Amino acid sequence: MLNVPWQTSYRTMLEAQKIMGEAFIRELDVLGAAQTGYGKGLEDMLSCRRPQDLPAAYASLMTVLLEAMARHAEVSAAYASRLRQCCGTLAETRARN
């Protein structure tokens, strides 16, 4: 059986892997939504019949990209916070032992 400090390190490592796996899945969801929106935006741009329709299609495409970037930042911040908390717990435990 592992001694207490190593058990704590091992559990923390497993928790960190779980957090990273969840973050990866969320990032794939964000990417999938962005690809769908980006494809629609490109179709809208290519289907413009008049020059004055192009700015609206371009703005719609940029909105999709900026929203995807904002969702990516939210996901990254949330999981970075969880990972920092997980590793902070390990550091506190190690400092006490």
C-alpha atoms as a PDB file:
ATOM      1  CA  MET A   1       0.000   0.000   0.000  1.00  0.00           C
ATOM      2  CA  LEU A   2       1.188   3.530  -0.765  1.00  0.00           C
ATOM      3  CA  ASN A   3       2.083   5.837   2.083  1.00  0.00           C
ATOM      4  CA  VAL A   4      -0.185   8.843   2.745  1.00  0.00           C
ATOM      5  CA  PRO A   5       1.749  11.559   0.806  1.00  0.00           C
ATOM      6  CA  TRP A   6       1.970   9.332  -2.270  1.00  0.00           C
ATOM      7  CA  GLN A   7      -1.700   8.368  -2.001  1.00  0.00           C
ATOM      8  CA  THR A   8      -2.607  12.051  -1.927  1.00  0.00           C
ATOM      9  CA  SER A   9      -0.386  12.731  -4.941  1.00  0.00           C
ATOM     10  CA  TYR A  10      -1.871   9.807  -6.812  1.00  0.00           C
ATOM     11  CA  ARG A  11      -5.462  10.887  -6.071  1.00  0.00           C
ATOM     12  CA  THR A  12      -4.626  14.439  -7.122  1.00  0.00           C
ATOM     13  CA  MET A  13      -3.115  13.197 -10.362  1.00  0.00           C
ATOM     14  CA  LEU A  14      -6.258  11.168 -11.078  1.00  0.00           C
ATOM     15  CA  GLU A  15      -8.456  14.165 -10.302  1.00  0.00           C
ATOM     16  CA  ALA A  16      -6.339  16.382 -12.576  1.00  0.00           C
ATOM     17  CA  GLN A  17      -6.675  13.840 -15.400  1.00  0.00           C
ATOM     18  CA  LYS A  18     -10.438  13.769 -14.876  1.00  0.00           C
ATOM     19  CA  ILE A  19     -10.598  17.581 -14.999  1.00  0.00           C
ATOM     20  CA  MET A  20      -8.528  17.690 -18.197  1.00  0.00           C
ATOM     21  CA  GLY A  21     -10.688  15.003 -19.801  1.00  0.00           C
ATOM     22  CA  GLU A  22     -13.849  16.962 -19.013  1.00  0.00           C
ATOM     23  CA  ALA A  23     -12.260  20.135 -20.391  1.00  0.00           C
ATOM     24  CA  PHE A  24     -11.316  18.329 -23.595  1.00  0.00           C
ATOM     25  CA  ILE A  25     -14.894  17.116 -24.093  1.00  0.00           C
ATOM     26  CA  ARG A  26     -16.268  20.632 -23.498  1.00  0.00           C
ATOM     27  CA  GLU A  27     -13.736  22.059 -25.956  1.00  0.00           C
ATOM     28  CA  LEU A  28     -14.888  19.555 -28.573  1.00  0.00           C
ATOM     29  CA  ASP A  29     -18.481  20.717 -28.017  1.00  0.00           C
ATOM     30  CA  VAL A  30     -17.423  24.344 -28.467  1.00  0.00           C
ATOM     31  CA  LEU A  31     -15.459  23.460 -31.598  1.00  0.00           C
ATOM     32  CA  GLY A  32     -18.384  21.520 -33.077  1.00  0.00           C
ATOM     33  CA  ALA A  33     -20.771  24.426 -32.534  1.00  0.00           C
ATOM     34  CA  ALA A  34     -18.241  26.842 -34.028  1.00  0.00           C
ATOM     35  CA  GLN A  35     -17.739  24.680 -37.105  1.00  0.00           C
ATOM     36  CA  THR A  36     -21.476  24.491 -37.695  1.00  0.00           C
ATOM     37  CA  GLY A  37     -21.866  28.251 -37.360  1.00  0.00           C
ATOM     38  CA  TYR A  38     -18.788  28.933 -39.463  1.00  0.00           C
ATOM     39  CA  GLY A  39     -20.052  26.684 -42.258  1.00  0.00           C
ATOM     40  CA  LYS A  40     -23.426  28.459 -42.231  1.00  0.00           C
ATOM     41  CA  GLY A  41     -21.697  31.838 -42.278  1.00  0.00           C
ATOM     42  CA  LEU A  42     -19.590  30.866 -45.271  1.00  0.00           C
ATOM     43  CA  GLU A  43     -22.665  29.592 -47.091  1.00  0.00           C
ATOM     44  CA  ASP A  44     -24.384  32.901 -46.380  1.00  0.00           C
ATOM     45  CA  MET A  45     -21.408  34.829 -47.739  1.00  0.00           C
ATOM     46  CA  LEU A  46     -21.260  32.723 -50.894  1.00  0.00           C
ATOM     47  CA  SER A  47     -24.988  33.053 -51.474  1.00  0.00           C
ATOM     48  CA  CYS A  48     -24.928  36.863 -51.433  1.00  0.00           C
ATOM     49  CA  ARG A  49     -26.453  38.117 -54.678  1.00  0.00           C
ATOM     50  CA  ARG A  50     -25.870  41.813 -54.112  1.00  0.00           C
ATOM     51  CA  PRO A  51     -22.743  43.563 -52.843  1.00  0.00           C
ATOM     52  CA  GLN A  52     -24.717  45.257 -50.072  1.00  0.00           C
ATOM     53  CA  ASP A  53     -25.622  41.814 -48.630  1.00  0.00           C
ATOM     54  CA  LEU A  54     -21.972  40.931 -48.062  1.00  0.00           C
ATOM     55  CA  PRO A  55     -21.319  43.087 -44.954  1.00  0.00           C
ATOM     56  CA  ALA A  56     -24.254  41.526 -43.087  1.00  0.00           C
ATOM     57  CA  ALA A  57     -23.068  38.009 -43.958  1.00  0.00           C
ATOM     58  CA  TYR A  58     -19.518  38.902 -42.931  1.00  0.00           C
ATOM     59  CA  ALA A  59     -20.746  40.377 -39.633  1.00  0.00           C
ATOM     60  CA  SER A  60     -22.715  37.189 -38.954  1.00  0.00           C
ATOM     61  CA  LEU A  61     -19.607  35.106 -39.607  1.00  0.00           C
ATOM     62  CA  MET A  62     -17.494  37.276 -37.309  1.00  0.00           C
ATOM     63  CA  THR A  63     -20.169  36.985 -34.610  1.00  0.00           C
ATOM     64  CA  VAL A  64     -19.930  33.183 -34.787  1.00  0.00           C
ATOM     65  CA  LEU A  65     -16.148  33.312 -34.475  1.00  0.00           C
ATOM     66  CA  LEU A  66     -16.165  35.778 -31.579  1.00  0.00           C
ATOM     67  CA  GLU A  67     -18.825  33.806 -29.701  1.00  0.00           C
ATOM     68  CA  ALA A  68     -16.761  30.632 -30.153  1.00  0.00           C
ATOM     69  CA  MET A  69     -13.700  32.420 -28.789  1.00  0.00           C
ATOM     70  CA  ALA A  70     -15.703  33.665 -25.790  1.00  0.00           C
ATOM     71  CA  ARG A  71     -17.008  30.150 -25.055  1.00  0.00           C
ATOM     72  CA  HIS A  72     -13.474  28.780 -25.352  1.00  0.00           C
ATOM     73  CA  ALA A  73     -12.244  31.379 -22.860  1.00  0.00           C
ATOM     74  CA  GLU A  74     -15.071  30.503 -20.433  1.00  0.00           C
ATOM     75  CA  VAL A  75     -14.306  26.779 -20.638  1.00  0.00           C
ATOM     76  CA  SER A  76     -10.581  27.371 -20.226  1.00  0.00           C
ATOM     77  CA  ALA A  77     -11.048  29.669 -17.238  1.00  0.00           C
ATOM     78  CA  ALA A  78     -13.452  27.298 -15.498  1.00  0.00           C
ATOM     79  CA  TYR A  79     -11.220  24.271 -15.877  1.00  0.00           C
ATOM     80  CA  ALA A  80      -8.051  26.195 -15.044  1.00  0.00           C
ATOM     81  CA  SER A  81      -9.716  27.241 -11.804  1.00  0.00           C
ATOM     82  CA  ARG A  82     -10.679  23.660 -10.978  1.00  0.00           C
ATOM     83  CA  LEU A  83      -7.180  22.440 -11.824  1.00  0.00           C
ATOM     84  CA  ARG A  84      -5.585  25.182  -9.703  1.00  0.00           C
ATOM     85  CA  GLN A  85      -7.827  24.203  -6.771  1.00  0.00           C
ATOM     86  CA  CYS A  86      -6.940  20.531  -7.209  1.00  0.00           C
ATOM     87  CA  CYS A  87      -3.202  21.217  -7.284  1.00  0.00           C
ATOM     88  CA  GLY A  88      -3.478  23.731  -4.440  1.00  0.00           C
ATOM     89  CA  THR A  89      -4.985  21.045  -2.254  1.00  0.00           C
ATOM     90  CA  LEU A  90      -2.025  18.800  -3.033  1.00  0.00           C
ATOM     91  CA  ALA A  91       0.453  21.568  -2.233  1.00  0.00           C
ATOM     92  CA  GLU A  92      -1.224  22.240   1.116  1.00  0.00           C
ATOM     93  CA  THR A  93      -1.224  18.546   1.995  1.00  0.00           C
ATOM     94  CA  ARG A  94       2.430  18.189   1.036  1.00  0.00           C
ATOM     95  CA  ALA A  95       3.375  21.270   3.032  1.00  0.00           C
ATOM     96  CA  ARG A  96       1.752  19.830   6.179  1.00  0.00           C
ATOM     97  CA  ASN A  97       3.571  16.490   5.861  1.00  0.00           C
END
